[in-house]
Amino acid sequence: TMSSGLRLALVSFFFGWLLSPLLRPLTAPGSLDDIASWALQGPGRDIPVPLMGVWLFRGLNPTFLYDFSFARAWDPQARSLVVDMSGPGMMVLPDAVPKQFTGDFQDTSPSGPVSGAAMLRLFSVLRHSNTFVFNEDFTRARILPSFGFPFYPLGFLARAKLREELVLQRGGVWKRINFAPPSNTTQTDAHYYLHPVLLRSADGSHRVRKDVLRMARRKLAAGNGTFARIG
């Protein structure tokens, strides 16, 4: 039988691993006004999907930006990739909480009353990721959430019971939509949008959407003026 000392060591190791992301600092990636100089540098920057860019969250708070160059596990046959929700691609407004945002930025996909920093820490402890599976013309993606490892029960239940999709709209904006379980045939009111701040072309060049950059500055000001990611 396993000794009590070995059991204690295994339990300590597991909880040490589980909570280890809490030791990683939150850092500011750079200036929003200079975003083209530091963004879209991740290892997945050559993945050929229309989401390759930096996107502003509107309707989901206190998330701020997502840099899809940090997507991974691209499968061209399945047209799928994985996005780590606490990886360096996810940027939040660390000191802000959802109730601060009104008008254009008010919640349309309600989240818990926690700060951006707390939300990012929670995602990191849960090892939360999303797999995006695109349709043939890359205008729609099914989103499959995962927590922990693929075989982890919470992740399995989430993938089995939840239906979430991302749909391309006019002007290059994507809309995240949810469906009501368990039938998942009726769309709910919960939704949010991803607006393109910075896009990467096939030749590797970057294009800043100045109108969306102005929108991002306004959201940043509403969220206490700082943004960060887990470094």
C-alpha atoms as a PDB file:
ATOM      1  CA  THR A   1       0.000   0.000   0.000  1.00  0.00           C
ATOM      2  CA  MET A   2       1.023   3.584  -0.556  1.00  0.00           C
ATOM      3  CA  SER A   3       2.680   5.141   2.461  1.00  0.00           C
ATOM      4  CA  SER A   4       1.180   8.243   4.047  1.00  0.00           C
ATOM      5  CA  GLY A   5       4.370  10.145   3.226  1.00  0.00           C
ATOM      6  CA  LEU A   6       4.099   9.318  -0.470  1.00  0.00           C
ATOM      7  CA  ARG A   7       0.403  10.212  -0.520  1.00  0.00           C
ATOM      8  CA  LEU A   8       1.204  13.559   1.093  1.00  0.00           C
ATOM      9  CA  ALA A   9       3.969  14.171  -1.431  1.00  0.00           C
ATOM     10  CA  LEU A  10       1.642  13.393  -4.355  1.00  0.00           C
ATOM     11  CA  VAL A  11      -1.116  15.615  -2.983  1.00  0.00           C
ATOM     12  CA  SER A  12       1.379  18.426  -2.388  1.00  0.00           C
ATOM     13  CA  PHE A  13       2.741  18.044  -5.905  1.00  0.00           C
ATOM     14  CA  PHE A  14      -0.751  18.130  -7.416  1.00  0.00           C
ATOM     15  CA  PHE A  15      -1.820  21.271  -5.576  1.00  0.00           C
ATOM     16  CA  GLY A  16       1.528  22.884  -6.271  1.00  0.00           C
ATOM     17  CA  TRP A  17       1.013  22.245  -9.972  1.00  0.00           C
ATOM     18  CA  LEU A  18      -2.628  23.347  -9.807  1.00  0.00           C
ATOM     19  CA  LEU A  19      -1.838  26.676  -8.144  1.00  0.00           C
ATOM     20  CA  SER A  20       1.502  27.356  -9.835  1.00  0.00           C
ATOM     21  CA  PRO A  21      -0.017  29.833 -12.364  1.00  0.00           C
ATOM     22  CA  LEU A  22      -0.785  32.161  -9.440  1.00  0.00           C
ATOM     23  CA  LEU A  23       2.945  32.808  -9.127  1.00  0.00           C
ATOM     24  CA  ARG A  24       3.259  34.181 -12.658  1.00  0.00           C
ATOM     25  CA  PRO A  25       3.158  38.000 -12.747  1.00  0.00           C
ATOM     26  CA  LEU A  26       0.752  40.131 -14.730  1.00  0.00           C
ATOM     27  CA  THR A  27       2.684  42.460 -17.026  1.00  0.00           C
ATOM     28  CA  ALA A  28       1.826  45.259 -19.441  1.00  0.00           C
ATOM     29  CA  PRO A  29       2.700  44.094 -22.978  1.00  0.00           C
ATOM     30  CA  GLY A  30       3.298  47.612 -24.318  1.00  0.00           C
ATOM     31  CA  SER A  31       1.574  50.831 -25.282  1.00  0.00           C
ATOM     32  CA  LEU A  32      -1.781  50.614 -27.006  1.00  0.00           C
ATOM     33  CA  ASP A  33      -0.732  53.434 -29.335  1.00  0.00           C
ATOM     34  CA  ASP A  34       2.313  51.390 -30.407  1.00  0.00           C
ATOM     35  CA  ILE A  35       0.495  48.067 -30.738  1.00  0.00           C
ATOM     36  CA  ALA A  36       1.960  47.209 -34.154  1.00  0.00           C
ATOM     37  CA  SER A  37       5.464  47.086 -32.648  1.00  0.00           C
ATOM     38  CA  TRP A  38       4.782  44.368 -30.058  1.00  0.00           C
ATOM     39  CA  ALA A  39       1.634  42.468 -31.040  1.00  0.00           C
ATOM     40  CA  LEU A  40       1.192  39.541 -33.431  1.00  0.00           C
ATOM     41  CA  GLN A  41       4.601  38.143 -32.512  1.00  0.00           C
ATOM     42  CA  GLY A  42       3.375  34.808 -31.157  1.00  0.00           C
ATOM     43  CA  PRO A  43       4.413  31.405 -32.528  1.00  0.00           C
ATOM     44  CA  GLY A  44       1.061  30.929 -34.285  1.00  0.00           C
ATOM     45  CA  ARG A  45       1.238  34.129 -36.325  1.00  0.00           C
ATOM     46  CA  ASP A  46       1.399  32.257 -39.649  1.00  0.00           C
ATOM     47  CA  ILE A  47      -1.811  30.273 -39.071  1.00  0.00           C
ATOM     48  CA  PRO A  48      -3.951  31.086 -42.163  1.00  0.00           C
ATOM     49  CA  VAL A  49      -7.255  32.067 -40.567  1.00  0.00           C
ATOM     50  CA  PRO A  50      -9.163  35.369 -40.826  1.00  0.00           C
ATOM     51  CA  LEU A  51      -8.992  35.722 -37.036  1.00  0.00           C
ATOM     52  CA  MET A  52      -5.239  36.259 -37.225  1.00  0.00           C
ATOM     53  CA  GLY A  53      -5.075  39.648 -35.557  1.00  0.00           C
ATOM     54  CA  VAL A  54      -5.589  41.472 -32.285  1.00  0.00           C
ATOM     55  CA  TRP A  55      -9.235  41.815 -31.316  1.00  0.00           C
ATOM     56  CA  LEU A  56     -11.079  44.164 -28.981  1.00  0.00           C
ATOM     57  CA  PHE A  57     -13.793  42.626 -26.805  1.00  0.00           C
ATOM     58  CA  ARG A  58     -17.059  44.596 -26.763  1.00  0.00           C
ATOM     59  CA  GLY A  59     -19.800  43.326 -24.471  1.00  0.00           C
ATOM     60  CA  LEU A  60     -17.558  41.084 -22.366  1.00  0.00           C
ATOM     61  CA  ASN A  61     -15.790  42.685 -19.403  1.00  0.00           C
ATOM     62  CA  PRO A  62     -13.205  43.177 -18.034  1.00  0.00           C
ATOM     63  CA  THR A  63     -11.524  41.345 -20.908  1.00  0.00           C
ATOM     64  CA  PHE A  64      -9.778  43.757 -23.264  1.00  0.00           C
ATOM     65  CA  LEU A  65      -7.800  42.300 -26.198  1.00  0.00           C
ATOM     66  CA  TYR A  66      -6.935  38.923 -27.648  1.00  0.00           C
ATOM     67  CA  ASP A  67      -3.841  38.337 -29.809  1.00  0.00           C
ATOM     68  CA  PHE A  68      -4.501  35.311 -32.009  1.00  0.00           C
ATOM     69  CA  SER A  69      -0.834  34.880 -32.891  1.00  0.00           C
ATOM     70  CA  PHE A  70      -0.662  32.882 -29.646  1.00  0.00           C
ATOM     71  CA  ALA A  71      -3.166  30.321 -30.943  1.00  0.00           C
ATOM     72  CA  ARG A  72      -1.718  26.811 -31.217  1.00  0.00           C
ATOM     73  CA  ALA A  73      -2.372  23.264 -32.436  1.00  0.00           C
ATOM     74  CA  TRP A  74      -3.494  24.349 -35.916  1.00  0.00           C
ATOM     75  CA  ASP A  75      -5.021  21.411 -37.812  1.00  0.00           C
ATOM     76  CA  PRO A  76      -5.617  22.357 -41.469  1.00  0.00           C
ATOM     77  CA  GLN A  77      -7.665  19.225 -42.198  1.00  0.00           C
ATOM     78  CA  ALA A  78     -10.044  19.836 -39.289  1.00  0.00           C
ATOM     79  CA  ARG A  79      -9.741  23.633 -39.696  1.00  0.00           C
ATOM     80  CA  SER A  80      -9.239  23.908 -35.953  1.00  0.00           C
ATOM     81  CA  LEU A  81      -6.955  25.662 -33.489  1.00  0.00           C
ATOM     82  CA  VAL A  82      -6.673  26.089 -29.733  1.00  0.00           C
ATOM     83  CA  VAL A  83      -6.768  29.370 -27.815  1.00  0.00           C
ATOM     84  CA  ASP A  84      -5.479  29.478 -24.238  1.00  0.00           C
ATOM     85  CA  MET A  85      -7.680  31.842 -22.252  1.00  0.00           C
ATOM     86  CA  SER A  86      -4.933  32.645 -19.741  1.00  0.00           C
ATOM     87  CA  GLY A  87      -2.008  32.572 -22.170  1.00  0.00           C
ATOM     88  CA  PRO A  88      -0.066  35.622 -23.372  1.00  0.00           C
ATOM     89  CA  GLY A  89      -2.682  36.289 -26.037  1.00  0.00           C
ATOM     90  CA  MET A  90      -5.348  37.222 -23.464  1.00  0.00           C
ATOM     91  CA  MET A  91      -5.193  40.782 -22.170  1.00  0.00           C
ATOM     92  CA  VAL A  92      -7.481  42.156 -19.475  1.00  0.00           C
ATOM     93  CA  LEU A  93      -8.159  45.390 -17.624  1.00  0.00           C
ATOM     94  CA  PRO A  94      -6.732  44.113 -14.327  1.00  0.00           C
ATOM     95  CA  ASP A  95      -8.216  46.636 -11.899  1.00  0.00           C
ATOM     96  CA  ALA A  96     -11.610  46.963 -13.567  1.00  0.00           C
ATOM     97  CA  VAL A  97     -14.889  45.147 -12.814  1.00  0.00           C
ATOM     98  CA  PRO A  98     -17.852  44.663 -15.195  1.00  0.00           C
ATOM     99  CA  LYS A  99     -20.154  47.244 -13.591  1.00  0.00           C
ATOM    100  CA  GLN A 100     -17.760  50.051 -14.610  1.00  0.00           C
ATOM    101  CA  PHE A 101     -18.667  49.644 -18.288  1.00  0.00           C
ATOM    102  CA  THR A 102     -21.675  51.391 -19.766  1.00  0.00           C
ATOM    103  CA  GLY A 103     -22.876  52.574 -23.144  1.00  0.00           C
ATOM    104  CA  ASP A 104     -21.001  50.947 -26.031  1.00  0.00           C
ATOM    105  CA  PHE A 105     -19.084  48.734 -23.613  1.00  0.00           C
ATOM    106  CA  GLN A 106     -21.785  47.528 -21.233  1.00  0.00           C
ATOM    107  CA  ASP A 107     -22.031  43.790 -20.660  1.00  0.00           C
ATOM    108  CA  THR A 108     -24.071  41.870 -23.217  1.00  0.00           C
ATOM    109  CA  SER A 109     -22.542  38.579 -22.076  1.00  0.00           C
ATOM    110  CA  PRO A 110     -22.649  38.840 -18.278  1.00  0.00           C
ATOM    111  CA  SER A 111     -19.666  37.593 -16.299  1.00  0.00           C
ATOM    112  CA  GLY A 112     -18.998  37.404 -12.580  1.00  0.00           C
ATOM    113  CA  PRO A 113     -18.371  40.569 -10.499  1.00  0.00           C
ATOM    114  CA  VAL A 114     -14.607  40.043 -10.398  1.00  0.00           C
ATOM    115  CA  SER A 115     -11.659  42.117 -11.535  1.00  0.00           C
ATOM    116  CA  GLY A 116      -9.770  41.417 -14.728  1.00  0.00           C
ATOM    117  CA  ALA A 117      -6.793  40.181 -12.739  1.00  0.00           C
ATOM    118  CA  ALA A 118      -8.939  37.758 -10.720  1.00  0.00           C
ATOM    119  CA  MET A 119     -10.645  36.455 -13.846  1.00  0.00           C
ATOM    120  CA  LEU A 120      -7.323  35.832 -15.574  1.00  0.00           C
ATOM    121  CA  ARG A 121      -5.994  34.036 -12.492  1.00  0.00           C
ATOM    122  CA  LEU A 122      -9.110  31.857 -12.397  1.00  0.00           C
ATOM    123  CA  PHE A 123      -8.718  30.956 -16.069  1.00  0.00           C
ATOM    124  CA  SER A 124      -5.096  30.038 -15.418  1.00  0.00           C
ATOM    125  CA  VAL A 125      -5.891  27.767 -12.459  1.00  0.00           C
ATOM    126  CA  LEU A 126      -8.656  26.074 -14.475  1.00  0.00           C
ATOM    127  CA  ARG A 127      -6.312  25.758 -17.501  1.00  0.00           C
ATOM    128  CA  HIS A 128      -9.191  27.111 -19.568  1.00  0.00           C
ATOM    129  CA  SER A 129      -8.832  26.904 -23.334  1.00  0.00           C
ATOM    130  CA  ASN A 130     -11.166  27.011 -26.326  1.00  0.00           C
ATOM    131  CA  THR A 131     -10.900  24.986 -29.513  1.00  0.00           C
ATOM    132  CA  PHE A 132     -12.200  26.821 -32.583  1.00  0.00           C
ATOM    133  CA  VAL A 133     -13.494  24.631 -35.424  1.00  0.00           C
ATOM    134  CA  PHE A 134     -14.155  26.656 -38.592  1.00  0.00           C
ATOM    135  CA  ASN A 135     -16.568  25.972 -41.417  1.00  0.00           C
ATOM    136  CA  GLU A 136     -15.245  25.594 -44.970  1.00  0.00           C
ATOM    137  CA  ASP A 137     -15.314  29.293 -45.878  1.00  0.00           C
ATOM    138  CA  PHE A 138     -14.051  30.474 -42.467  1.00  0.00           C
ATOM    139  CA  THR A 139     -17.106  32.615 -41.731  1.00  0.00           C
ATOM    140  CA  ARG A 140     -18.244  30.657 -38.682  1.00  0.00           C
ATOM    141  CA  ALA A 141     -16.547  28.714 -35.897  1.00  0.00           C
ATOM    142  CA  ARG A 142     -17.829  26.283 -33.291  1.00  0.00           C
ATOM    143  CA  ILE A 143     -16.198  26.928 -29.897  1.00  0.00           C
ATOM    144  CA  LEU A 144     -15.419  23.908 -27.722  1.00  0.00           C
ATOM    145  CA  PRO A 145     -14.354  24.851 -24.180  1.00  0.00           C
ATOM    146  CA  SER A 146     -11.860  22.830 -22.191  1.00  0.00           C
ATOM    147  CA  PHE A 147     -10.763  22.904 -18.564  1.00  0.00           C
ATOM    148  CA  GLY A 148      -7.664  21.116 -17.343  1.00  0.00           C
ATOM    149  CA  PHE A 149      -6.898  18.234 -19.685  1.00  0.00           C
ATOM    150  CA  PRO A 150      -9.124  16.992 -22.557  1.00  0.00           C
ATOM    151  CA  PHE A 151     -10.266  14.050 -20.416  1.00  0.00           C
ATOM    152  CA  TYR A 152     -10.976  16.213 -17.358  1.00  0.00           C
ATOM    153  CA  PRO A 153     -14.698  15.742 -16.417  1.00  0.00           C
ATOM    154  CA  LEU A 154     -15.469  19.488 -16.274  1.00  0.00           C
ATOM    155  CA  GLY A 155     -14.116  19.988 -19.787  1.00  0.00           C
ATOM    156  CA  PHE A 156     -15.991  16.967 -21.114  1.00  0.00           C
ATOM    157  CA  LEU A 157     -19.286  18.204 -19.662  1.00  0.00           C
ATOM    158  CA  ALA A 158     -18.722  21.713 -21.020  1.00  0.00           C
ATOM    159  CA  ARG A 159     -18.078  20.429 -24.539  1.00  0.00           C
ATOM    160  CA  ALA A 160     -21.043  18.061 -24.359  1.00  0.00           C
ATOM    161  CA  LYS A 161     -23.605  20.514 -22.962  1.00  0.00           C
ATOM    162  CA  LEU A 162     -22.620  23.943 -24.310  1.00  0.00           C
ATOM    163  CA  ARG A 163     -23.021  25.291 -27.824  1.00  0.00           C
ATOM    164  CA  GLU A 164     -21.097  28.468 -28.542  1.00  0.00           C
ATOM    165  CA  GLU A 165     -20.271  29.916 -31.950  1.00  0.00           C
ATOM    166  CA  LEU A 166     -18.397  32.812 -33.490  1.00  0.00           C
ATOM    167  CA  VAL A 167     -19.958  34.307 -36.625  1.00  0.00           C
ATOM    168  CA  LEU A 168     -18.434  36.809 -39.055  1.00  0.00           C
ATOM    169  CA  GLN A 169     -20.411  40.051 -39.424  1.00  0.00           C
ATOM    170  CA  ARG A 170     -20.095  43.075 -41.679  1.00  0.00           C
ATOM    171  CA  GLY A 171     -16.949  45.143 -41.426  1.00  0.00           C
ATOM    172  CA  GLY A 172     -14.799  42.229 -40.312  1.00  0.00           C
ATOM    173  CA  VAL A 173     -16.415  42.071 -36.855  1.00  0.00           C
ATOM    174  CA  TRP A 174     -17.081  38.672 -35.266  1.00  0.00           C
ATOM    175  CA  LYS A 175     -20.084  37.980 -33.026  1.00  0.00           C
ATOM    176  CA  ARG A 176     -19.953  35.388 -30.268  1.00  0.00           C
ATOM    177  CA  ILE A 177     -23.353  33.739 -29.736  1.00  0.00           C
ATOM    178  CA  ASN A 178     -24.610  31.187 -27.201  1.00  0.00           C
ATOM    179  CA  PHE A 179     -27.418  28.654 -27.361  1.00  0.00           C
ATOM    180  CA  ALA A 180     -29.681  27.472 -24.543  1.00  0.00           C
ATOM    181  CA  PRO A 181     -28.874  23.964 -23.232  1.00  0.00           C
ATOM    182  CA  PRO A 182     -29.719  21.169 -23.225  1.00  0.00           C
ATOM    183  CA  SER A 183     -31.285  21.258 -26.719  1.00  0.00           C
ATOM    184  CA  ASN A 184     -28.900  23.992 -27.929  1.00  0.00           C
ATOM    185  CA  THR A 185     -31.282  24.932 -30.722  1.00  0.00           C
ATOM    186  CA  THR A 186     -32.390  28.347 -29.419  1.00  0.00           C
ATOM    187  CA  GLN A 187     -30.024  31.297 -29.424  1.00  0.00           C
ATOM    188  CA  THR A 188     -29.847  33.192 -26.120  1.00  0.00           C
ATOM    189  CA  ASP A 189     -29.524  36.947 -25.609  1.00  0.00           C
ATOM    190  CA  ALA A 190     -25.939  36.568 -24.365  1.00  0.00           C
ATOM    191  CA  HIS A 191     -23.424  37.697 -26.964  1.00  0.00           C
ATOM    192  CA  TYR A 192     -20.374  39.863 -27.478  1.00  0.00           C
ATOM    193  CA  TYR A 193     -18.280  41.181 -30.351  1.00  0.00           C
ATOM    194  CA  LEU A 194     -14.656  41.019 -31.444  1.00  0.00           C
ATOM    195  CA  HIS A 195     -13.485  44.121 -33.318  1.00  0.00           C
ATOM    196  CA  PRO A 196     -10.209  44.056 -35.310  1.00  0.00           C
ATOM    197  CA  VAL A 197      -7.611  46.419 -33.849  1.00  0.00           C
ATOM    198  CA  LEU A 198      -4.645  44.977 -35.750  1.00  0.00           C
ATOM    199  CA  LEU A 199      -4.715  42.523 -38.648  1.00  0.00           C
ATOM    200  CA  ARG A 200      -1.939  40.451 -40.207  1.00  0.00           C
ATOM    201  CA  SER A 201      -1.900  39.985 -43.974  1.00  0.00           C
ATOM    202  CA  ALA A 202      -0.678  36.881 -45.794  1.00  0.00           C
ATOM    203  CA  ASP A 203       2.611  38.644 -46.602  1.00  0.00           C
ATOM    204  CA  GLY A 204       3.239  39.260 -42.892  1.00  0.00           C
ATOM    205  CA  SER A 205       2.457  42.984 -42.924  1.00  0.00           C
ATOM    206  CA  HIS A 206       0.263  44.553 -40.241  1.00  0.00           C
ATOM    207  CA  ARG A 207      -2.670  46.909 -40.635  1.00  0.00           C
ATOM    208  CA  VAL A 208      -4.053  48.985 -37.768  1.00  0.00           C
ATOM    209  CA  ARG A 209      -7.769  49.745 -37.822  1.00  0.00           C
ATOM    210  CA  LYS A 210      -7.670  53.303 -36.528  1.00  0.00           C
ATOM    211  CA  ASP A 211     -11.403  53.430 -35.827  1.00  0.00           C
ATOM    212  CA  VAL A 212     -11.178  50.341 -33.609  1.00  0.00           C
ATOM    213  CA  LEU A 213      -7.999  51.645 -31.982  1.00  0.00           C
ATOM    214  CA  ARG A 214      -9.969  54.725 -30.927  1.00  0.00           C
ATOM    215  CA  MET A 215     -12.662  52.450 -29.518  1.00  0.00           C
ATOM    216  CA  ALA A 216      -9.993  50.502 -27.627  1.00  0.00           C
ATOM    217  CA  ARG A 217      -8.639  53.733 -26.105  1.00  0.00           C
ATOM    218  CA  ARG A 218     -12.124  54.541 -24.823  1.00  0.00           C
ATOM    219  CA  LYS A 219     -12.556  51.130 -23.251  1.00  0.00           C
ATOM    220  CA  LEU A 220      -9.090  51.366 -21.722  1.00  0.00           C
ATOM    221  CA  ALA A 221     -10.000  54.719 -20.143  1.00  0.00           C
ATOM    222  CA  ALA A 222     -13.228  53.241 -18.750  1.00  0.00           C
ATOM    223  CA  GLY A 223     -11.200  50.378 -17.267  1.00  0.00           C
ATOM    224  CA  ASN A 224      -8.813  52.525 -15.196  1.00  0.00           C
ATOM    225  CA  GLY A 225      -6.231  53.029 -17.928  1.00  0.00           C
ATOM    226  CA  THR A 226      -4.078  49.902 -17.650  1.00  0.00           C
ATOM    227  CA  PHE A 227      -4.105  46.513 -19.358  1.00  0.00           C
ATOM    228  CA  ALA A 228      -2.041  43.410 -18.718  1.00  0.00           C
ATOM    229  CA  ARG A 229      -1.504  39.746 -19.476  1.00  0.00           C
ATOM    230  CA  ILE A 230       0.170  36.897 -17.658  1.00  0.00           C
ATOM    231  CA  GLY A 231       3.840  37.248 -18.600  1.00  0.00           C
END
